[in-house]
Amino acid sequence: MTIRKLQLMAIDSAIAAGVFWVLGLLSSVSISSLQVNGAFTIPKLVVFWLCLMVCRNIGHIYGSVWRYADEGGYLRLVIVDVVAGALYMMICRTVSSLSLGFAYSVLLPLSVLLLTICSRLCYQYLYAYSNRYKDNKQAKK
């Protein structure tokens, strides 16, 4: 496992933990199914994180460089994250102590997917923006 792969996994882990934390805050200020299923806890986050990272590693999501990602890479990310979300939901339905309720079990992986895609697109934009002068200098030569 390379340093770059570990860095990408750390970024995605931070996104997942951040979304988990925000959803936990939102659930505490509104009436929700969490009153029946319990609160957002560390074991629930760990199970979700394991599902996400295992599926992303099986799908070779961390094998590509973000700045060269194309439609195929993003489509693969969507498919892998949907599979991870379905796996997480099956685990939650099997082990009731890990359940977040149906709505949060769907919202959590989709929110993580959205923020992951946004972070990768922002990275591509910032990379292209920082290199715009280099391309112009090479074209003038």
N, C-alpha and C. Protein backbone atom coordinates (compact mmCIF):
# COMPACT_ATOMS: atom_id res chain seq x y z
N MET A 1 0.85 -1.17 0.00
CA MET A 1 0.00 0.00 0.00
C MET A 1 0.90 1.24 0.00
N THR A 2 0.64 2.13 -0.94
CA THR A 2 1.48 3.30 -1.10
C THR A 2 1.04 4.44 -0.17
N ILE A 3 1.93 5.40 -0.01
CA ILE A 3 1.63 6.58 0.80
C ILE A 3 0.46 7.34 0.21
N ARG A 4 0.44 7.47 -1.11
CA ARG A 4 -0.64 8.20 -1.79
C ARG A 4 -2.00 7.55 -1.54
N LYS A 5 -2.02 6.22 -1.60
CA LYS A 5 -3.26 5.50 -1.35
C LYS A 5 -3.73 5.72 0.08
N LEU A 6 -2.81 5.71 1.02
CA LEU A 6 -3.15 5.97 2.42
C LEU A 6 -3.67 7.40 2.61
N GLN A 7 -3.09 8.35 1.89
CA GLN A 7 -3.56 9.73 1.97
C GLN A 7 -4.99 9.85 1.45
N LEU A 8 -5.27 9.22 0.33
CA LEU A 8 -6.62 9.25 -0.24
C LEU A 8 -7.62 8.59 0.69
N MET A 9 -7.22 7.48 1.29
CA MET A 9 -8.10 6.80 2.24
C MET A 9 -8.34 7.67 3.47
N ALA A 10 -7.32 8.41 3.91
CA ALA A 10 -7.49 9.30 5.06
C ALA A 10 -8.46 10.44 4.74
N ILE A 11 -8.36 10.99 3.54
CA ILE A 11 -9.29 12.05 3.14
C ILE A 11 -10.71 11.53 3.11
N ASP A 12 -10.91 10.36 2.50
CA ASP A 12 -12.25 9.78 2.44
C ASP A 12 -12.76 9.39 3.82
N SER A 13 -11.87 8.96 4.69
CA SER A 13 -12.26 8.63 6.07
C SER A 13 -12.70 9.88 6.81
N ALA A 14 -12.00 10.98 6.60
CA ALA A 14 -12.39 12.25 7.24
C ALA A 14 -13.74 12.71 6.73
N ILE A 15 -13.99 12.54 5.43
CA ILE A 15 -15.30 12.90 4.87
C ILE A 15 -16.40 12.05 5.51
N ALA A 16 -16.17 10.75 5.60
CA ALA A 16 -17.17 9.85 6.19
C ALA A 16 -17.43 10.20 7.65
N ALA A 17 -16.38 10.47 8.41
CA ALA A 17 -16.55 10.82 9.82
C ALA A 17 -17.27 12.16 9.96
N GLY A 18 -16.94 13.11 9.08
CA GLY A 18 -17.61 14.41 9.13
C GLY A 18 -19.09 14.31 8.82
N VAL A 19 -19.44 13.54 7.80
CA VAL A 19 -20.85 13.35 7.47
C VAL A 19 -21.57 12.64 8.60
N PHE A 20 -20.95 11.64 9.17
CA PHE A 20 -21.53 10.91 10.30
C PHE A 20 -21.80 11.86 11.45
N TRP A 21 -20.87 12.74 11.75
CA TRP A 21 -21.01 13.71 12.84
C TRP A 21 -22.14 14.70 12.55
N VAL A 22 -22.18 15.23 11.32
CA VAL A 22 -23.22 16.20 10.96
C VAL A 22 -24.60 15.56 11.03
N LEU A 23 -24.73 14.34 10.51
CA LEU A 23 -26.03 13.67 10.58
C LEU A 23 -26.43 13.39 12.03
N GLY A 24 -25.45 13.09 12.86
CA GLY A 24 -25.74 12.91 14.29
C GLY A 24 -26.25 14.18 14.92
N LEU A 25 -25.66 15.33 14.56
CA LEU A 25 -26.14 16.61 15.07
C LEU A 25 -27.55 16.92 14.57
N LEU A 26 -27.77 16.70 13.28
CA LEU A 26 -29.09 16.97 12.71
C LEU A 26 -30.16 16.09 13.33
N SER A 27 -29.81 14.85 13.61
CA SER A 27 -30.80 13.94 14.19
C SER A 27 -31.17 14.32 15.62
N SER A 28 -30.27 15.01 16.30
CA SER A 28 -30.56 15.37 17.69
C SER A 28 -31.48 16.58 17.80
N VAL A 29 -31.63 17.34 16.73
CA VAL A 29 -32.49 18.53 16.79
C VAL A 29 -33.84 18.32 16.13
N SER A 30 -34.09 17.12 15.63
CA SER A 30 -35.38 16.88 14.99
C SER A 30 -35.94 15.53 15.41
N ILE A 31 -37.22 15.36 15.18
CA ILE A 31 -37.85 14.08 15.45
C ILE A 31 -37.40 13.11 14.36
N SER A 32 -36.89 11.99 14.77
CA SER A 32 -36.36 11.05 13.77
C SER A 32 -36.49 9.62 14.25
N SER A 33 -36.14 8.73 13.36
CA SER A 33 -36.17 7.31 13.69
C SER A 33 -35.07 6.92 14.65
N LEU A 34 -34.15 7.83 14.93
CA LEU A 34 -33.06 7.49 15.86
C LEU A 34 -33.55 7.33 17.29
N GLN A 35 -34.71 7.89 17.59
CA GLN A 35 -35.25 7.69 18.93
C GLN A 35 -35.56 6.22 19.17
N VAL A 36 -35.86 5.49 18.10
CA VAL A 36 -36.12 4.06 18.19
C VAL A 36 -34.83 3.27 18.10
N ASN A 37 -33.91 3.70 17.22
CA ASN A 37 -32.72 2.91 16.91
C ASN A 37 -31.47 3.30 17.68
N GLY A 38 -31.53 4.34 18.48
CA GLY A 38 -30.36 4.75 19.22
C GLY A 38 -29.60 5.85 18.50
N ALA A 39 -28.51 6.28 19.08
CA ALA A 39 -27.76 7.42 18.57
C ALA A 39 -26.66 6.98 17.62
N PHE A 40 -26.05 7.98 16.99
CA PHE A 40 -24.86 7.74 16.17
C PHE A 40 -23.72 7.43 17.13
N THR A 41 -23.16 6.25 17.04
CA THR A 41 -22.09 5.85 17.95
C THR A 41 -20.86 5.43 17.15
N ILE A 42 -19.75 5.33 17.84
CA ILE A 42 -18.49 4.95 17.20
C ILE A 42 -18.56 3.56 16.56
N PRO A 43 -19.15 2.54 17.20
CA PRO A 43 -19.23 1.24 16.51
C PRO A 43 -20.00 1.31 15.19
N LYS A 44 -21.03 2.13 15.11
CA LYS A 44 -21.79 2.28 13.86
C LYS A 44 -20.93 2.96 12.80
N LEU A 45 -20.14 3.95 13.21
CA LEU A 45 -19.23 4.61 12.28
C LEU A 45 -18.17 3.64 11.79
N VAL A 46 -17.63 2.83 12.68
CA VAL A 46 -16.58 1.87 12.30
C VAL A 46 -17.12 0.84 11.31
N VAL A 47 -18.32 0.35 11.54
CA VAL A 47 -18.91 -0.63 10.61
C VAL A 47 -19.13 0.02 9.24
N PHE A 48 -19.64 1.24 9.23
CA PHE A 48 -19.84 1.94 7.96
C PHE A 48 -18.51 2.18 7.26
N TRP A 49 -17.51 2.62 8.01
CA TRP A 49 -16.19 2.89 7.44
C TRP A 49 -15.58 1.61 6.85
N LEU A 50 -15.71 0.50 7.56
CA LEU A 50 -15.18 -0.77 7.05
C LEU A 50 -15.88 -1.17 5.76
N CYS A 51 -17.20 -1.05 5.71
CA CYS A 51 -17.94 -1.38 4.48
C CYS A 51 -17.45 -0.50 3.33
N LEU A 52 -17.29 0.78 3.60
CA LEU A 52 -16.88 1.73 2.57
C LEU A 52 -15.47 1.44 2.07
N MET A 53 -14.53 1.28 2.98
CA MET A 53 -13.14 1.08 2.59
C MET A 53 -12.92 -0.28 1.92
N VAL A 54 -13.57 -1.32 2.40
CA VAL A 54 -13.42 -2.64 1.78
C VAL A 54 -13.97 -2.60 0.35
N CYS A 55 -15.15 -2.03 0.18
CA CYS A 55 -15.74 -1.96 -1.16
C CYS A 55 -14.90 -1.08 -2.09
N ARG A 56 -14.41 0.04 -1.59
CA ARG A 56 -13.59 0.92 -2.44
C ARG A 56 -12.27 0.26 -2.81
N ASN A 57 -11.69 -0.51 -1.91
CA ASN A 57 -10.45 -1.21 -2.25
C ASN A 57 -10.70 -2.35 -3.23
N ILE A 58 -11.80 -3.06 -3.07
CA ILE A 58 -12.14 -4.12 -4.02
C ILE A 58 -12.42 -3.52 -5.40
N GLY A 59 -13.06 -2.34 -5.43
CA GLY A 59 -13.37 -1.67 -6.69
C GLY A 59 -12.22 -0.88 -7.27
N HIS A 60 -11.05 -0.93 -6.65
CA HIS A 60 -9.84 -0.23 -7.11
C HIS A 60 -10.06 1.28 -7.26
N ILE A 61 -10.78 1.86 -6.32
CA ILE A 61 -11.03 3.31 -6.36
C ILE A 61 -9.74 4.08 -6.10
N TYR A 62 -8.88 3.56 -5.26
CA TYR A 62 -7.66 4.28 -4.90
C TYR A 62 -6.50 3.95 -5.83
N GLY A 63 -6.76 3.24 -6.90
CA GLY A 63 -5.70 2.90 -7.85
C GLY A 63 -5.44 3.99 -8.88
N SER A 64 -6.36 4.93 -9.01
CA SER A 64 -6.21 5.98 -10.02
C SER A 64 -5.82 7.30 -9.35
N VAL A 65 -5.25 8.16 -10.16
CA VAL A 65 -4.87 9.49 -9.68
C VAL A 65 -6.05 10.43 -9.89
N TRP A 66 -6.39 11.19 -8.88
CA TRP A 66 -7.59 12.04 -8.93
C TRP A 66 -7.57 13.01 -10.10
N ARG A 67 -6.42 13.59 -10.40
CA ARG A 67 -6.39 14.62 -11.44
C ARG A 67 -6.62 14.05 -12.83
N TYR A 68 -6.50 12.73 -12.98
CA TYR A 68 -6.75 12.10 -14.27
C TYR A 68 -8.07 11.34 -14.30
N ALA A 69 -8.91 11.51 -13.31
CA ALA A 69 -10.18 10.78 -13.25
C ALA A 69 -11.08 11.19 -14.41
N ASP A 70 -11.77 10.21 -14.94
CA ASP A 70 -12.70 10.45 -16.04
C ASP A 70 -14.08 9.95 -15.63
N GLU A 71 -14.99 9.91 -16.60
CA GLU A 71 -16.35 9.48 -16.30
C GLU A 71 -16.39 8.05 -15.79
N GLY A 72 -15.54 7.19 -16.34
CA GLY A 72 -15.49 5.80 -15.89
C GLY A 72 -15.09 5.67 -14.43
N GLY A 73 -14.13 6.49 -14.01
CA GLY A 73 -13.71 6.47 -12.62
C GLY A 73 -14.80 6.93 -11.67
N TYR A 74 -15.52 7.96 -12.07
CA TYR A 74 -16.62 8.46 -11.23
C TYR A 74 -17.78 7.47 -11.21
N LEU A 75 -18.06 6.85 -12.35
CA LEU A 75 -19.13 5.85 -12.39
C LEU A 75 -18.78 4.66 -11.51
N ARG A 76 -17.52 4.24 -11.56
CA ARG A 76 -17.08 3.14 -10.70
C ARG A 76 -17.21 3.52 -9.22
N LEU A 77 -16.89 4.78 -8.89
CA LEU A 77 -17.05 5.26 -7.51
C LEU A 77 -18.51 5.20 -7.08
N VAL A 78 -19.41 5.63 -7.95
CA VAL A 78 -20.84 5.61 -7.62
C VAL A 78 -21.31 4.17 -7.38
N ILE A 79 -20.94 3.27 -8.27
CA ILE A 79 -21.36 1.87 -8.14
C ILE A 79 -20.81 1.24 -6.87
N VAL A 80 -19.53 1.46 -6.61
CA VAL A 80 -18.90 0.88 -5.42
C VAL A 80 -19.53 1.44 -4.15
N ASP A 81 -19.82 2.73 -4.11
CA ASP A 81 -20.43 3.31 -2.92
C ASP A 81 -21.87 2.85 -2.72
N VAL A 82 -22.60 2.63 -3.79
CA VAL A 82 -23.96 2.07 -3.67
C VAL A 82 -23.89 0.65 -3.10
N VAL A 83 -22.92 -0.13 -3.58
CA VAL A 83 -22.74 -1.48 -3.04
C VAL A 83 -22.36 -1.41 -1.57
N ALA A 84 -21.47 -0.49 -1.20
CA ALA A 84 -21.07 -0.34 0.21
C ALA A 84 -22.27 0.07 1.06
N GLY A 85 -23.09 0.97 0.55
CA GLY A 85 -24.29 1.38 1.29
C GLY A 85 -25.27 0.24 1.45
N ALA A 86 -25.45 -0.57 0.41
CA ALA A 86 -26.34 -1.72 0.51
C ALA A 86 -25.81 -2.75 1.50
N LEU A 87 -24.49 -2.96 1.48
CA LEU A 87 -23.87 -3.87 2.44
C LEU A 87 -24.06 -3.36 3.87
N TYR A 88 -23.85 -2.08 4.07
CA TYR A 88 -24.04 -1.48 5.39
C TYR A 88 -25.49 -1.63 5.84
N MET A 89 -26.43 -1.40 4.93
CA MET A 89 -27.84 -1.51 5.29
C MET A 89 -28.20 -2.95 5.64
N MET A 90 -27.64 -3.93 4.92
CA MET A 90 -27.90 -5.34 5.24
C MET A 90 -27.34 -5.69 6.62
N ILE A 91 -26.16 -5.17 6.92
CA ILE A 91 -25.58 -5.43 8.25
C ILE A 91 -26.45 -4.80 9.33
N CYS A 92 -26.91 -3.56 9.07
CA CYS A 92 -27.76 -2.87 10.05
C CYS A 92 -29.07 -3.60 10.27
N ARG A 93 -29.63 -4.17 9.23
CA ARG A 93 -30.90 -4.91 9.36
C ARG A 93 -30.69 -6.24 10.06
N THR A 94 -29.49 -6.80 9.93
CA THR A 94 -29.18 -8.07 10.57
C THR A 94 -28.85 -7.89 12.05
N VAL A 95 -28.05 -6.88 12.35
CA VAL A 95 -27.63 -6.60 13.73
C VAL A 95 -28.34 -5.31 14.16
N SER A 96 -29.41 -5.45 14.89
CA SER A 96 -30.26 -4.29 15.19
C SER A 96 -29.54 -3.24 16.05
N SER A 97 -28.54 -3.62 16.80
CA SER A 97 -27.83 -2.62 17.62
C SER A 97 -27.00 -1.67 16.77
N LEU A 98 -26.75 -2.01 15.50
CA LEU A 98 -25.99 -1.14 14.60
C LEU A 98 -26.88 -0.30 13.70
N SER A 99 -28.19 -0.47 13.81
CA SER A 99 -29.11 0.20 12.90
C SER A 99 -29.21 1.69 13.20
N LEU A 100 -29.26 2.48 12.12
CA LEU A 100 -29.49 3.92 12.22
C LEU A 100 -30.91 4.28 11.79
N GLY A 101 -31.67 3.32 11.38
CA GLY A 101 -32.96 3.58 10.78
C GLY A 101 -32.79 3.65 9.27
N PHE A 102 -33.87 3.43 8.57
CA PHE A 102 -33.79 3.35 7.11
C PHE A 102 -33.30 4.66 6.49
N ALA A 103 -33.88 5.77 6.90
CA ALA A 103 -33.54 7.06 6.27
C ALA A 103 -32.06 7.40 6.44
N TYR A 104 -31.53 7.24 7.63
CA TYR A 104 -30.12 7.57 7.86
C TYR A 104 -29.19 6.53 7.23
N SER A 105 -29.64 5.29 7.11
CA SER A 105 -28.83 4.26 6.46
C SER A 105 -28.70 4.53 4.97
N VAL A 106 -29.66 5.23 4.39
CA VAL A 106 -29.57 5.62 2.98
C VAL A 106 -28.84 6.96 2.85
N LEU A 107 -29.16 7.90 3.72
CA LEU A 107 -28.58 9.24 3.65
C LEU A 107 -27.08 9.25 3.89
N LEU A 108 -26.59 8.44 4.79
CA LEU A 108 -25.17 8.43 5.13
C LEU A 108 -24.27 8.07 3.94
N PRO A 109 -24.47 6.94 3.27
CA PRO A 109 -23.57 6.64 2.14
C PRO A 109 -23.74 7.60 0.96
N LEU A 110 -24.95 8.07 0.73
CA LEU A 110 -25.15 8.99 -0.38
C LEU A 110 -24.50 10.35 -0.11
N SER A 111 -24.54 10.80 1.13
CA SER A 111 -23.88 12.06 1.49
C SER A 111 -22.36 11.93 1.37
N VAL A 112 -21.84 10.80 1.81
CA VAL A 112 -20.40 10.56 1.69
C VAL A 112 -20.00 10.52 0.21
N LEU A 113 -20.80 9.87 -0.61
CA LEU A 113 -20.52 9.80 -2.05
C LEU A 113 -20.52 11.20 -2.66
N LEU A 114 -21.51 12.00 -2.33
CA LEU A 114 -21.59 13.36 -2.86
C LEU A 114 -20.37 14.19 -2.47
N LEU A 115 -19.98 14.14 -1.22
CA LEU A 115 -18.82 14.92 -0.77
C LEU A 115 -17.51 14.38 -1.35
N THR A 116 -17.42 13.08 -1.55
CA THR A 116 -16.22 12.50 -2.16
C THR A 116 -16.08 12.97 -3.60
N ILE A 117 -17.17 12.93 -4.35
CA ILE A 117 -17.12 13.41 -5.73
C ILE A 117 -16.80 14.90 -5.77
N CYS A 118 -17.40 15.67 -4.88
CA CYS A 118 -17.10 17.10 -4.82
C CYS A 118 -15.64 17.35 -4.51
N SER A 119 -15.07 16.61 -3.58
CA SER A 119 -13.66 16.81 -3.23
C SER A 119 -12.76 16.47 -4.40
N ARG A 120 -13.08 15.44 -5.14
CA ARG A 120 -12.25 15.07 -6.29
C ARG A 120 -12.38 16.08 -7.42
N LEU A 121 -13.59 16.57 -7.66
CA LEU A 121 -13.76 17.59 -8.69
C LEU A 121 -13.06 18.90 -8.30
N CYS A 122 -13.13 19.27 -7.03
CA CYS A 122 -12.41 20.46 -6.57
C CYS A 122 -10.91 20.29 -6.73
N TYR A 123 -10.40 19.09 -6.43
CA TYR A 123 -8.98 18.81 -6.61
C TYR A 123 -8.59 18.98 -8.08
N GLN A 124 -9.40 18.42 -8.99
CA GLN A 124 -9.09 18.54 -10.41
C GLN A 124 -9.10 20.01 -10.85
N TYR A 125 -10.09 20.77 -10.38
CA TYR A 125 -10.17 22.18 -10.74
C TYR A 125 -8.96 22.95 -10.20
N LEU A 126 -8.62 22.74 -8.94
CA LEU A 126 -7.48 23.46 -8.36
C LEU A 126 -6.17 23.06 -9.03
N TYR A 127 -6.03 21.80 -9.39
CA TYR A 127 -4.83 21.36 -10.09
C TYR A 127 -4.72 22.03 -11.45
N ALA A 128 -5.83 22.07 -12.19
CA ALA A 128 -5.83 22.72 -13.50
C ALA A 128 -5.60 24.23 -13.35
N TYR A 129 -6.18 24.83 -12.34
CA TYR A 129 -6.01 26.26 -12.11
C TYR A 129 -4.57 26.61 -11.76
N SER A 130 -3.94 25.79 -10.94
CA SER A 130 -2.55 26.07 -10.54
C SER A 130 -1.57 25.86 -11.69
N ASN A 131 -1.94 25.06 -12.67
CA ASN A 131 -1.05 24.77 -13.80
C ASN A 131 -1.39 25.55 -15.05
N ARG A 132 -2.28 26.49 -14.98
CA ARG A 132 -2.71 27.20 -16.18
C ARG A 132 -1.58 28.04 -16.77
N TYR A 133 -0.71 28.59 -15.94
CA TYR A 133 0.40 29.40 -16.46
C TYR A 133 1.51 28.53 -17.03
N LYS A 134 1.70 27.34 -16.47
CA LYS A 134 2.71 26.43 -16.98
C LYS A 134 2.38 26.01 -18.40
N ASP A 135 1.10 25.75 -18.66
CA ASP A 135 0.68 25.36 -20.01
C ASP A 135 0.91 26.49 -21.00
N ASN A 136 0.65 27.74 -20.59
CA ASN A 136 0.84 28.89 -21.48
C ASN A 136 2.32 29.12 -21.78
N LYS A 137 3.18 28.93 -20.80
CA LYS A 137 4.61 29.11 -21.00
C LYS A 137 5.16 28.06 -21.95
N GLN A 138 4.68 26.82 -21.82
CA GLN A 138 5.15 25.76 -22.71
C GLN A 138 4.64 25.97 -24.13
N ALA A 139 3.46 26.52 -24.28
CA ALA A 139 2.89 26.75 -25.61
C ALA A 139 3.64 27.86 -26.35
N LYS A 140 4.18 28.84 -25.63
CA LYS A 140 4.90 29.96 -26.24
C LYS A 140 6.28 29.54 -26.73
N LYS A 141 6.85 28.50 -26.19
CA LYS A 141 8.20 28.06 -26.58
C LYS A 141 8.24 27.44 -27.91
